[in-house]
C-alpha cells in the first residue's frame, strides 16, 4: 500500500487552523476545560499511579529513569519522532511501549490498552498549552510524505479522502454535526460516544470504517505516517490533551 501512495503533497490546509474544541457545544467545552469534571482525568490519575509503580524483573518504574513526570513537559508536542534503535518513526504510545519493553523487561501493551492510554494522557498533559512542534528530522521525511499522500488518497468503497472532508468541507455539516478540520491536538481523548478514552488510531479506524476501507494497523507504518502529517498540519496549535469530544 505504501508503494502506491505517490501523490504530491496536499494543498495548504484551511486557514486559520481551527481546533475541534471550537465546534463542540458549550457543555462539552466545559467538560474539557474543568479538570474536576473532565472524565479523561480519571485515566490521568491511573497514569500517575503507573508512573511510580515498579514493574518488571528489575522493579523499575517510569520515575526510575525520568524522575517526576513534569520533567517531560514538551515531549508530547514533539511526537511522532524517530526511534534510532528500531530505525523507524514511532508515536507516543509506541514510545511508551518500547520503554516498557527495553527498560522494564515487559512486553508492550497491545495498541489501545487502557494503561498505555493512561500513561500517554499523563505525559500529554505535561505539554498542555504548548505549541505542537514536530521534529525537523530528515529521517522522518519518507514517512511524512507517505502521510501526506494518504491524507489525499481516496479510500474505501465510498472513495473518499481525509482531505475531502476535513479540508474541502470543514465547517460544513454532516447529519447535523459540524465537520471539523480534523486537527489532532487533543489525543488521547475521552469521547462521549465511546464512553471511554481512545487514541488517534481509534479515531482514524472509525473514519476508515465510515468510508468502508480496510483499517490501518494501530502501530503500523501507515498510521504513524498519517500521524506525522497531522502533526505537521497542526504545527503551532496548542496541545489540548486530554481532550473531550462528542
C-alpha atoms as a PDB file:
ATOM      1  CA  UNK A   1       0.000   0.000   0.000  1.00  0.00           C
ATOM      2  CA  UNK A   2       2.847   2.390   0.846  1.00  0.00           C
ATOM      3  CA  UNK A   3       4.366   1.991  -2.620  1.00  0.00           C
ATOM      4  CA  UNK A   4       1.106   3.110  -4.224  1.00  0.00           C
ATOM      5  CA  UNK A   5       0.991   6.380  -2.272  1.00  0.00           C
ATOM      6  CA  UNK A   6       2.918   8.581  -4.691  1.00  0.00           C
ATOM      7  CA  UNK A   7       0.572  11.576  -4.812  1.00  0.00           C
ATOM      8  CA  UNK A   8       2.090  15.057  -4.424  1.00  0.00           C
ATOM      9  CA  UNK A   9       1.872  16.824  -1.066  1.00  0.00           C
ATOM     10  CA  UNK A  10      -1.619  18.118  -0.263  1.00  0.00           C
ATOM     11  CA  UNK A  11      -2.591  21.779  -0.569  1.00  0.00           C
ATOM     12  CA  UNK A  12      -2.173  24.078   2.374  1.00  0.00           C
ATOM     13  CA  UNK A  13      -4.808  23.192   4.991  1.00  0.00           C
ATOM     14  CA  UNK A  14      -7.617  25.633   5.759  1.00  0.00           C
ATOM     15  CA  UNK A  15      -6.555  28.851   7.401  1.00  0.00           C
ATOM     16  CA  UNK A  16      -6.837  29.782  10.121  1.00  0.00           C
ATOM     17  CA  UNK A  17      -6.269  26.448  11.826  1.00  0.00           C
ATOM     18  CA  UNK A  18      -9.251  25.541  13.944  1.00  0.00           C
ATOM     19  CA  UNK A  19      -9.421  23.090  16.828  1.00  0.00           C
ATOM     20  CA  UNK A  20     -12.378  20.738  17.002  1.00  0.00           C
ATOM     21  CA  UNK A  21     -12.881  22.119  20.521  1.00  0.00           C
ATOM     22  CA  UNK A  22     -14.417  25.226  18.966  1.00  0.00           C
ATOM     23  CA  UNK A  23     -17.035  23.164  17.139  1.00  0.00           C
ATOM     24  CA  UNK A  24     -18.347  21.494  20.305  1.00  0.00           C
ATOM     25  CA  UNK A  25     -21.327  22.531  22.389  1.00  0.00           C
ATOM     26  CA  UNK A  26     -20.668  24.841  25.363  1.00  0.00           C
ATOM     27  CA  UNK A  27     -21.449  21.949  27.713  1.00  0.00           C
ATOM     28  CA  UNK A  28     -18.826  19.675  26.129  1.00  0.00           C
ATOM     29  CA  UNK A  29     -16.295  22.510  26.058  1.00  0.00           C
ATOM     30  CA  UNK A  30     -16.892  22.991  29.767  1.00  0.00           C
ATOM     31  CA  UNK A  31     -16.108  19.312  30.395  1.00  0.00           C
ATOM     32  CA  UNK A  32     -12.703  19.676  28.755  1.00  0.00           C
ATOM     33  CA  UNK A  33     -11.898  22.966  30.473  1.00  0.00           C
ATOM     34  CA  UNK A  34     -12.645  21.727  34.002  1.00  0.00           C
ATOM     35  CA  UNK A  35     -10.161  19.120  35.227  1.00  0.00           C
ATOM     36  CA  UNK A  36     -12.549  18.226  38.035  1.00  0.00           C
ATOM     37  CA  UNK A  37     -15.270  17.349  35.502  1.00  0.00           C
ATOM     38  CA  UNK A  38     -13.197  16.054  32.586  1.00  0.00           C
ATOM     39  CA  UNK A  39     -13.740  12.256  32.601  1.00  0.00           C
ATOM     40  CA  UNK A  40     -10.322  11.727  30.998  1.00  0.00           C
ATOM     41  CA  UNK A  41      -8.682  12.870  34.241  1.00  0.00           C
ATOM     42  CA  UNK A  42      -9.635   9.518  35.789  1.00  0.00           C
ATOM     43  CA  UNK A  43      -7.175   7.896  33.392  1.00  0.00           C
ATOM     44  CA  UNK A  44      -4.594  10.589  34.130  1.00  0.00           C
ATOM     45  CA  UNK A  45      -4.836   9.533  37.777  1.00  0.00           C
ATOM     46  CA  UNK A  46      -4.209   5.938  36.710  1.00  0.00           C
ATOM     47  CA  UNK A  47      -1.223   7.178  34.729  1.00  0.00           C
ATOM     48  CA  UNK A  48       0.191   8.879  37.821  1.00  0.00           C
ATOM     49  CA  UNK A  49      -0.056   5.593  39.705  1.00  0.00           C
ATOM     50  CA  UNK A  50       1.604   3.646  36.889  1.00  0.00           C
ATOM     51  CA  UNK A  51       4.363   6.258  36.571  1.00  0.00           C
ATOM     52  CA  UNK A  52       5.749   5.465  40.004  1.00  0.00           C
ATOM     53  CA  UNK A  53       4.772   1.784  40.192  1.00  0.00           C
ATOM     54  CA  UNK A  54       7.746  -0.620  39.963  1.00  0.00           C
ATOM     55  CA  UNK A  55       7.308  -3.337  37.343  1.00  0.00           C
ATOM     56  CA  UNK A  56       9.298  -5.986  35.576  1.00  0.00           C
ATOM     57  CA  UNK A  57      12.179  -8.206  36.680  1.00  0.00           C
ATOM     58  CA  UNK A  58      14.255  -5.297  37.973  1.00  0.00           C
ATOM     59  CA  UNK A  59      11.408  -3.499  39.683  1.00  0.00           C
ATOM     60  CA  UNK A  60      11.840  -0.288  37.712  1.00  0.00           C
ATOM     61  CA  UNK A  61       9.217   2.390  37.192  1.00  0.00           C
ATOM     62  CA  UNK A  62       8.953   5.257  34.721  1.00  0.00           C
ATOM     63  CA  UNK A  63      10.101   7.529  37.534  1.00  0.00           C
ATOM     64  CA  UNK A  64      13.238   5.412  37.993  1.00  0.00           C
ATOM     65  CA  UNK A  65      14.556   6.801  34.699  1.00  0.00           C
ATOM     66  CA  UNK A  66      12.694  10.078  34.260  1.00  0.00           C
ATOM     67  CA  UNK A  67      12.047  11.331  37.776  1.00  0.00           C
ATOM     68  CA  UNK A  68       8.934  13.465  38.116  1.00  0.00           C
ATOM     69  CA  UNK A  69       6.631  13.367  35.114  1.00  0.00           C
ATOM     70  CA  UNK A  70       6.683  17.170  34.983  1.00  0.00           C
ATOM     71  CA  UNK A  71      10.194  16.825  33.548  1.00  0.00           C
ATOM     72  CA  UNK A  72       8.566  15.590  30.328  1.00  0.00           C
ATOM     73  CA  UNK A  73       6.952  18.945  29.607  1.00  0.00           C
ATOM     74  CA  UNK A  74       7.098  19.491  25.852  1.00  0.00           C
ATOM     75  CA  UNK A  75       7.724  15.850  24.945  1.00  0.00           C
ATOM     76  CA  UNK A  76       4.220  15.041  23.677  1.00  0.00           C
ATOM     77  CA  UNK A  77       4.277  18.111  21.430  1.00  0.00           C
ATOM     78  CA  UNK A  78       7.194  16.579  19.500  1.00  0.00           C
ATOM     79  CA  UNK A  79       5.706  13.182  18.593  1.00  0.00           C
ATOM     80  CA  UNK A  80       5.746  11.154  16.376  1.00  0.00           C
ATOM     81  CA  UNK A  81       9.544  11.052  16.411  1.00  0.00           C
ATOM     82  CA  UNK A  82      12.373   8.867  15.149  1.00  0.00           C
ATOM     83  CA  UNK A  83      13.398   5.827  17.175  1.00  0.00           C
ATOM     84  CA  UNK A  84      17.113   5.307  16.434  1.00  0.00           C
ATOM     85  CA  UNK A  85      17.179   1.813  17.945  1.00  0.00           C
ATOM     86  CA  UNK A  86      14.310   0.492  15.851  1.00  0.00           C
ATOM     87  CA  UNK A  87      15.141   2.664  12.854  1.00  0.00           C
ATOM     88  CA  UNK A  88      11.589   3.893  12.345  1.00  0.00           C
ATOM     89  CA  UNK A  89       9.197   6.663  13.385  1.00  0.00           C
ATOM     90  CA  UNK A  90       7.080   5.965  16.459  1.00  0.00           C
ATOM     91  CA  UNK A  91       4.158   7.744  18.063  1.00  0.00           C
ATOM     92  CA  UNK A  92       3.990   8.471  21.777  1.00  0.00           C
ATOM     93  CA  UNK A  93       2.050   5.307  22.611  1.00  0.00           C
ATOM     94  CA  UNK A  94       4.642   3.220  20.806  1.00  0.00           C
ATOM     95  CA  UNK A  95       7.443   5.021  22.678  1.00  0.00           C
ATOM     96  CA  UNK A  96       5.808   4.135  25.993  1.00  0.00           C
ATOM     97  CA  UNK A  97       5.584   0.519  24.869  1.00  0.00           C
ATOM     98  CA  UNK A  98       9.253   0.493  23.837  1.00  0.00           C
ATOM     99  CA  UNK A  99      10.294   1.923  27.215  1.00  0.00           C
ATOM    100  CA  UNK A 100       8.282  -0.801  28.920  1.00  0.00           C
ATOM    101  CA  UNK A 101       9.988  -3.440  26.784  1.00  0.00           C
ATOM    102  CA  UNK A 102      13.555  -2.120  26.861  1.00  0.00           C
ATOM    103  CA  UNK A 103      13.798  -0.793  30.413  1.00  0.00           C
ATOM    104  CA  UNK A 104      11.282  -2.843  32.381  1.00  0.00           C
ATOM    105  CA  UNK A 105      11.711  -6.154  30.578  1.00  0.00           C
ATOM    106  CA  UNK A 106       7.973  -6.450  29.921  1.00  0.00           C
ATOM    107  CA  UNK A 107       6.053  -6.890  26.662  1.00  0.00           C
ATOM    108  CA  UNK A 108       4.490  -3.722  25.260  1.00  0.00           C
ATOM    109  CA  UNK A 109       0.803  -3.293  25.933  1.00  0.00           C
ATOM    110  CA  UNK A 110      -1.484  -4.014  22.978  1.00  0.00           C
ATOM    111  CA  UNK A 111      -2.479  -0.938  20.991  1.00  0.00           C
ATOM    112  CA  UNK A 112      -5.273   0.925  22.748  1.00  0.00           C
ATOM    113  CA  UNK A 113      -4.688  -0.739  26.136  1.00  0.00           C
ATOM    114  CA  UNK A 114      -6.163   1.431  28.887  1.00  0.00           C
ATOM    115  CA  UNK A 115      -2.944   1.525  30.929  1.00  0.00           C
ATOM    116  CA  UNK A 116      -0.961   2.635  27.890  1.00  0.00           C
ATOM    117  CA  UNK A 117      -3.575   5.328  27.224  1.00  0.00           C
ATOM    118  CA  UNK A 118      -3.390   6.390  30.880  1.00  0.00           C
ATOM    119  CA  UNK A 119       0.360   6.967  30.668  1.00  0.00           C
ATOM    120  CA  UNK A 120       0.030   8.681  27.298  1.00  0.00           C
ATOM    121  CA  UNK A 121      -2.599  11.030  28.735  1.00  0.00           C
ATOM    122  CA  UNK A 122      -0.385  11.773  31.723  1.00  0.00           C
ATOM    123  CA  UNK A 123       2.602  12.581  29.525  1.00  0.00           C
ATOM    124  CA  UNK A 124       0.427  14.565  27.123  1.00  0.00           C
ATOM    125  CA  UNK A 125      -0.991  16.632  29.984  1.00  0.00           C
ATOM    126  CA  UNK A 126       2.512  17.903  30.754  1.00  0.00           C
ATOM    127  CA  UNK A 127       2.547  19.625  27.346  1.00  0.00           C
ATOM    128  CA  UNK A 128      -0.954  21.087  27.537  1.00  0.00           C
ATOM    129  CA  UNK A 129      -0.955  24.619  26.149  1.00  0.00           C
ATOM    130  CA  UNK A 130       2.399  24.250  24.383  1.00  0.00           C
ATOM    131  CA  UNK A 131       2.605  24.545  20.585  1.00  0.00           C
ATOM    132  CA  UNK A 132       2.737  21.354  18.551  1.00  0.00           C
ATOM    133  CA  UNK A 133       6.262  21.196  17.160  1.00  0.00           C
ATOM    134  CA  UNK A 134       7.004  18.100  15.056  1.00  0.00           C
ATOM    135  CA  UNK A 135      10.736  17.407  14.829  1.00  0.00           C
ATOM    136  CA  UNK A 136      12.664  18.671  11.818  1.00  0.00           C
ATOM    137  CA  UNK A 137      14.361  15.307  11.352  1.00  0.00           C
ATOM    138  CA  UNK A 138      15.318  14.298   7.817  1.00  0.00           C
ATOM    139  CA  UNK A 139      14.858  10.644   8.725  1.00  0.00           C
ATOM    140  CA  UNK A 140      11.127  11.299   9.064  1.00  0.00           C
ATOM    141  CA  UNK A 141      10.754  12.708   5.545  1.00  0.00           C
ATOM    142  CA  UNK A 142       9.677   9.473   3.770  1.00  0.00           C
ATOM    143  CA  UNK A 143       7.044   8.723   6.417  1.00  0.00           C
ATOM    144  CA  UNK A 144       5.811  12.313   6.376  1.00  0.00           C
ATOM    145  CA  UNK A 145       5.459  12.152   2.588  1.00  0.00           C
ATOM    146  CA  UNK A 146       3.523   8.905   2.901  1.00  0.00           C
ATOM    147  CA  UNK A 147       1.214  10.520   5.451  1.00  0.00           C
ATOM    148  CA  UNK A 148       0.576  13.487   3.156  1.00  0.00           C
ATOM    149  CA  UNK A 149      -0.247  11.116   0.314  1.00  0.00           C
ATOM    150  CA  UNK A 150      -2.614   9.091   2.494  1.00  0.00           C
ATOM    151  CA  UNK A 151      -4.396  12.285   3.519  1.00  0.00           C
ATOM    152  CA  UNK A 152      -5.410  13.000  -0.080  1.00  0.00           C
ATOM    153  CA  UNK A 153      -5.841   9.417  -1.276  1.00  0.00           C
ATOM    154  CA  UNK A 154      -9.394   8.230  -1.965  1.00  0.00           C
ATOM    155  CA  UNK A 155     -10.046   5.167   0.164  1.00  0.00           C
ATOM    156  CA  UNK A 156     -12.694   2.508   0.589  1.00  0.00           C
ATOM    157  CA  UNK A 157     -15.856   1.678  -1.263  1.00  0.00           C
ATOM    158  CA  UNK A 158     -17.015   5.299  -0.941  1.00  0.00           C
ATOM    159  CA  UNK A 159     -13.719   6.536  -2.469  1.00  0.00           C
ATOM    160  CA  UNK A 160     -13.373   9.473  -0.089  1.00  0.00           C
ATOM    161  CA  UNK A 161     -10.171  11.009   1.217  1.00  0.00           C
ATOM    162  CA  UNK A 162      -9.431  12.663   4.534  1.00  0.00           C
ATOM    163  CA  UNK A 163      -8.863  15.951   2.694  1.00  0.00           C
ATOM    164  CA  UNK A 164     -12.281  15.888   1.064  1.00  0.00           C
ATOM    165  CA  UNK A 165     -13.961  16.017   4.465  1.00  0.00           C
ATOM    166  CA  UNK A 166     -11.516  17.903   6.646  1.00  0.00           C
ATOM    167  CA  UNK A 167     -10.038  20.383   4.159  1.00  0.00           C
ATOM    168  CA  UNK A 168     -12.674  20.936   1.466  1.00  0.00           C
ATOM    169  CA  UNK A 169     -15.787  20.601   3.641  1.00  0.00           C
ATOM    170  CA  UNK A 170     -14.532  21.702   7.045  1.00  0.00           C
ATOM    171  CA  UNK A 171     -17.146  23.853   8.742  1.00  0.00           C
ATOM    172  CA  UNK A 172     -19.985  22.244   6.818  1.00  0.00           C
ATOM    173  CA  UNK A 173     -22.416  19.768   8.306  1.00  0.00           C
ATOM    174  CA  UNK A 174     -22.894  16.034   8.105  1.00  0.00           C
ATOM    175  CA  UNK A 175     -26.076  14.744   9.692  1.00  0.00           C
ATOM    176  CA  UNK A 176     -26.416  17.919  11.747  1.00  0.00           C
ATOM    177  CA  UNK A 177     -22.852  17.713  13.061  1.00  0.00           C
ATOM    178  CA  UNK A 178     -20.166  20.256  12.154  1.00  0.00           C
ATOM    179  CA  UNK A 179     -17.366  18.731  10.072  1.00  0.00           C
ATOM    180  CA  UNK A 180     -14.117  19.646  11.878  1.00  0.00           C
ATOM    181  CA  UNK A 181     -10.739  20.272  10.320  1.00  0.00           C
ATOM    182  CA  UNK A 182      -9.579  17.036  11.899  1.00  0.00           C
ATOM    183  CA  UNK A 183      -6.763  18.659  13.855  1.00  0.00           C
ATOM    184  CA  UNK A 184      -5.171  16.057  16.140  1.00  0.00           C
ATOM    185  CA  UNK A 185      -4.475  18.375  19.063  1.00  0.00           C
ATOM    186  CA  UNK A 186      -6.169  16.606  21.984  1.00  0.00           C
ATOM    187  CA  UNK A 187      -5.305  12.906  21.827  1.00  0.00           C
ATOM    188  CA  UNK A 188      -5.748  10.629  23.625  1.00  0.00           C
ATOM    189  CA  UNK A 189      -9.313  11.862  24.077  1.00  0.00           C
ATOM    190  CA  UNK A 190     -12.356  10.866  26.074  1.00  0.00           C
ATOM    191  CA  UNK A 191     -15.155  10.554  23.549  1.00  0.00           C
ATOM    192  CA  UNK A 192     -18.716  10.731  24.820  1.00  0.00           C
ATOM    193  CA  UNK A 193     -19.888   8.421  22.026  1.00  0.00           C
ATOM    194  CA  UNK A 194     -17.417   5.776  23.210  1.00  0.00           C
ATOM    195  CA  UNK A 195     -17.941   6.420  26.943  1.00  0.00           C
ATOM    196  CA  UNK A 196     -14.223   5.663  27.132  1.00  0.00           C
ATOM    197  CA  UNK A 197     -10.832   7.120  26.241  1.00  0.00           C
ATOM    198  CA  UNK A 198      -9.237   6.393  22.901  1.00  0.00           C
ATOM    199  CA  UNK A 199      -6.197   7.030  20.765  1.00  0.00           C
ATOM    200  CA  UNK A 200      -5.852   8.799  17.462  1.00  0.00           C
ATOM    201  CA  UNK A 201      -5.544   5.368  15.847  1.00  0.00           C
ATOM    202  CA  UNK A 202      -9.021   4.516  17.125  1.00  0.00           C
ATOM    203  CA  UNK A 203     -10.443   7.717  15.652  1.00  0.00           C
ATOM    204  CA  UNK A 204      -8.768   7.031  12.288  1.00  0.00           C
ATOM    205  CA  UNK A 205     -10.101   3.474  12.357  1.00  0.00           C
ATOM    206  CA  UNK A 206     -13.605   4.885  12.782  1.00  0.00           C
ATOM    207  CA  UNK A 207     -13.161   7.201   9.802  1.00  0.00           C
ATOM    208  CA  UNK A 208     -11.875   4.348   7.644  1.00  0.00           C
ATOM    209  CA  UNK A 209     -14.832   2.206   8.671  1.00  0.00           C
ATOM    210  CA  UNK A 210     -17.098   5.082   7.666  1.00  0.00           C
ATOM    211  CA  UNK A 211     -15.754   5.078   4.106  1.00  0.00           C
ATOM    212  CA  UNK A 212     -15.710   1.248   4.117  1.00  0.00           C
ATOM    213  CA  UNK A 213     -11.946   0.968   3.874  1.00  0.00           C
ATOM    214  CA  UNK A 214      -9.582  -1.538   5.414  1.00  0.00           C
ATOM    215  CA  UNK A 215      -8.270  -0.077   8.701  1.00  0.00           C
ATOM    216  CA  UNK A 216      -4.600   0.657   9.276  1.00  0.00           C
ATOM    217  CA  UNK A 217      -2.723  -1.386  11.851  1.00  0.00           C
ATOM    218  CA  UNK A 218      -2.734   0.774  15.042  1.00  0.00           C
ATOM    219  CA  UNK A 219       1.085   0.795  15.243  1.00  0.00           C
ATOM    220  CA  UNK A 220       1.668   0.230  11.539  1.00  0.00           C
ATOM    221  CA  UNK A 221       3.607   2.267   9.022  1.00  0.00           C
ATOM    222  CA  UNK A 222       0.547   3.960   7.546  1.00  0.00           C
ATOM    223  CA  UNK A 223      -0.955   5.017  10.880  1.00  0.00           C
ATOM    224  CA  UNK A 224       2.288   6.563  12.135  1.00  0.00           C
ATOM    225  CA  UNK A 225       2.866   8.255   8.771  1.00  0.00           C
ATOM    226  CA  UNK A 226      -0.604   9.810   8.896  1.00  0.00           C
ATOM    227  CA  UNK A 227       0.042  10.987  12.464  1.00  0.00           C
ATOM    228  CA  UNK A 228       3.262  12.642  11.278  1.00  0.00           C
ATOM    229  CA  UNK A 229       1.326  14.503   8.603  1.00  0.00           C
ATOM    230  CA  UNK A 230      -1.325  15.552  11.121  1.00  0.00           C
ATOM    231  CA  UNK A 231       1.361  16.867  13.474  1.00  0.00           C
ATOM    232  CA  UNK A 232       2.789  18.959  10.634  1.00  0.00           C
ATOM    233  CA  UNK A 233      -0.705  20.139   9.726  1.00  0.00           C
ATOM    234  CA  UNK A 234      -1.290  21.223  13.338  1.00  0.00           C
ATOM    235  CA  UNK A 235       2.093  22.963  13.605  1.00  0.00           C
ATOM    236  CA  UNK A 236       1.918  25.705  16.231  1.00  0.00           C
ATOM    237  CA  UNK A 237      -1.524  24.769  17.559  1.00  0.00           C
ATOM    238  CA  UNK A 238      -1.789  24.187  21.310  1.00  0.00           C
ATOM    239  CA  UNK A 239      -1.725  20.704  22.783  1.00  0.00           C
ATOM    240  CA  UNK A 240      -5.110  20.068  24.463  1.00  0.00           C
ATOM    241  CA  UNK A 241      -4.511  16.603  25.948  1.00  0.00           C
ATOM    242  CA  UNK A 242      -6.558  15.131  27.489  1.00  0.00           C
ATOM    243  CA  UNK A 243      -9.379  16.253  25.248  1.00  0.00           C
ATOM    244  CA  UNK A 244     -13.106  15.581  25.343  1.00  0.00           C
ATOM    245  CA  UNK A 245     -15.063  15.116  22.148  1.00  0.00           C
ATOM    246  CA  UNK A 246     -18.742  14.289  21.413  1.00  0.00           C
END
